[in-house]
Amino acid sequence: MLLIVAEVTSLAVNLTATLAYGWVQPSGGNPDGAARGCDYVRQGAARAGRDPGSLELGKIIYISVDDSCFRAKNQTAPLLQSFYTGYNVDSWCAFGNPAECAAFIQGFLDVGITTLMLCLVPADVGP
């Protein structure tokens, strides 16, 4: 059985570092936050005598693809903000044309995320 932890509390990071197969940064957050989380998990794994490079480091990203960045954002924001009060769509979601979405996602890969979980927000979904 593989244990993967998806939380940002110190308890969750310590659990990941000592016992889990990997860590997933939840859907909120930007690449800088993901980098800090990855560093904490790797440092904890090293302190626990584990190979930090053996951990899967994941990220959940909501994505809305549309040629119009405005339309893509407006497809995403009402849905996510109905689930999560104060959800920062501008900073935490990939939206726009394929190149814009890829550039947003690349920021997480650049800081050490190894596994992506992309949650596609279809154009016809509302809160």
Protein backbone atom coordinates (compact mmCIF):
# COMPACT_ATOMS: atom_id res chain seq x y z
CA MET A 1 0.00 0.00 0.00
CA LEU A 2 1.32 3.45 -0.92
CA LEU A 3 0.70 6.34 1.46
CA ILE A 4 0.62 9.77 -0.14
CA VAL A 5 -0.11 12.77 2.08
CA ALA A 6 -1.90 15.87 0.74
CA GLU A 7 -1.69 18.59 3.34
CA VAL A 8 0.59 21.46 4.32
CA THR A 9 0.61 21.23 8.12
CA SER A 10 3.85 20.38 9.92
CA LEU A 11 2.32 17.08 11.08
CA ALA A 12 1.53 16.10 7.48
CA VAL A 13 4.97 17.10 6.24
CA ASN A 14 6.62 15.09 9.03
CA LEU A 15 4.42 12.09 8.25
CA THR A 16 5.43 12.32 4.61
CA ALA A 17 9.11 12.68 5.43
CA THR A 18 9.18 9.64 7.70
CA LEU A 19 6.60 7.20 6.30
CA ALA A 20 4.94 8.19 3.05
CA TYR A 21 5.70 7.53 -0.60
CA GLY A 22 4.99 11.13 -1.50
CA TRP A 23 3.48 14.51 -0.74
CA VAL A 24 0.87 16.51 -2.63
CA GLN A 25 0.49 20.26 -2.30
CA PRO A 26 -3.25 20.97 -2.33
CA SER A 27 -4.82 23.07 -5.07
CA GLY A 28 -4.11 26.42 -3.42
CA GLY A 29 -0.69 27.97 -3.62
CA ASN A 30 1.88 29.12 -6.11
CA PRO A 31 5.28 27.78 -7.21
CA ASP A 32 7.11 29.56 -4.35
CA GLY A 33 4.87 27.83 -1.81
CA ALA A 34 5.32 24.51 -3.57
CA ALA A 35 9.10 24.98 -3.51
CA ARG A 36 9.04 25.58 0.26
CA GLY A 37 6.84 22.52 0.78
CA CYS A 38 9.12 20.34 -1.35
CA ASP A 39 12.15 21.59 0.58
CA TYR A 40 10.51 20.85 3.96
CA VAL A 41 9.57 17.34 2.87
CA ARG A 42 13.03 16.59 1.46
CA GLN A 43 14.79 17.96 4.54
CA GLY A 44 12.56 15.90 6.81
CA ALA A 45 13.20 12.78 4.75
CA ALA A 46 16.95 13.33 5.00
CA ARG A 47 16.70 13.79 8.79
CA ALA A 48 14.73 10.52 8.95
CA GLY A 49 17.48 8.72 7.01
CA ARG A 50 15.45 8.42 3.82
CA ASP A 51 16.53 9.32 0.30
CA PRO A 52 14.82 12.68 -0.38
CA GLY A 53 14.95 11.97 -4.11
CA SER A 54 12.78 8.89 -3.69
CA LEU A 55 9.66 10.88 -2.77
CA GLU A 56 6.96 11.77 -5.27
CA LEU A 57 6.12 15.46 -4.96
CA GLY A 58 2.73 16.29 -6.37
CA LYS A 59 0.55 19.29 -7.08
CA ILE A 60 -3.18 19.60 -7.71
CA ILE A 61 -3.93 22.29 -10.31
CA TYR A 62 -7.31 23.39 -11.60
CA ILE A 63 -7.10 24.23 -15.29
CA SER A 64 -9.47 25.94 -17.73
CA VAL A 65 -8.41 26.12 -21.37
CA ASP A 66 -9.95 28.69 -23.70
CA ASP A 67 -8.54 31.05 -26.31
CA SER A 68 -9.92 33.88 -24.18
CA CYS A 69 -8.10 34.19 -20.86
CA PHE A 70 -11.03 36.23 -19.52
CA ARG A 71 -13.56 33.56 -20.46
CA ALA A 72 -11.38 30.76 -19.06
CA LYS A 73 -11.00 32.56 -15.73
CA ASN A 74 -14.72 33.28 -15.57
CA GLN A 75 -15.49 29.60 -16.15
CA THR A 76 -13.23 28.67 -13.25
CA ALA A 77 -13.71 31.34 -10.59
CA PRO A 78 -17.42 30.90 -9.71
CA LEU A 79 -17.11 27.13 -9.41
CA LEU A 80 -14.00 27.10 -7.22
CA GLN A 81 -15.12 30.04 -5.11
CA SER A 82 -18.39 28.22 -4.42
CA PHE A 83 -16.36 25.34 -2.94
CA TYR A 84 -13.54 27.30 -1.29
CA THR A 85 -14.21 30.73 0.21
CA GLY A 86 -11.50 33.17 -0.79
CA TYR A 87 -9.96 30.84 -3.41
CA ASN A 88 -7.38 32.90 -5.35
CA VAL A 89 -8.07 31.86 -8.92
CA ASP A 90 -5.65 34.46 -10.34
CA SER A 91 -2.66 32.98 -8.49
CA TRP A 92 -3.62 29.33 -8.00
CA CYS A 93 -5.17 28.17 -11.31
CA ALA A 94 -4.04 27.64 -14.87
CA PHE A 95 -6.38 29.39 -17.27
CA GLY A 96 -6.19 30.78 -20.77
CA ASN A 97 -4.91 29.35 -24.04
CA PRO A 98 -2.79 26.18 -24.03
CA ALA A 99 0.50 28.11 -23.96
CA GLU A 100 -0.61 30.22 -20.98
CA CYS A 101 -1.72 27.12 -19.08
CA ALA A 102 1.53 25.31 -19.89
CA ALA A 103 3.59 28.28 -18.66
CA PHE A 104 1.70 28.32 -15.35
CA ILE A 105 2.15 24.57 -14.89
CA GLN A 106 5.85 24.75 -15.81
CA GLY A 107 6.45 26.99 -12.80
CA PHE A 108 5.61 24.04 -10.52
CA LEU A 109 7.79 21.61 -12.44
CA ASP A 110 10.67 24.07 -12.22
CA VAL A 111 10.58 24.04 -8.40
CA GLY A 112 10.62 20.26 -8.01
CA ILE A 113 7.06 19.01 -8.41
CA THR A 114 7.32 15.56 -10.02
CA THR A 115 3.66 14.57 -10.37
CA LEU A 116 0.78 16.73 -11.59
CA MET A 117 -2.92 16.17 -10.97
CA LEU A 118 -4.74 18.43 -13.40
CA CYS A 119 -8.42 19.06 -12.68
CA LEU A 120 -10.05 20.26 -15.90
CA VAL A 121 -12.87 22.75 -15.44
CA PRO A 122 -15.16 22.24 -18.47
CA ALA A 123 -16.72 25.30 -20.10
CA ASP A 124 -20.28 24.23 -19.26
CA VAL A 125 -19.82 23.67 -15.51
CA GLY A 126 -21.18 26.15 -13.01
CA PRO A 127 -21.56 26.33 -9.25
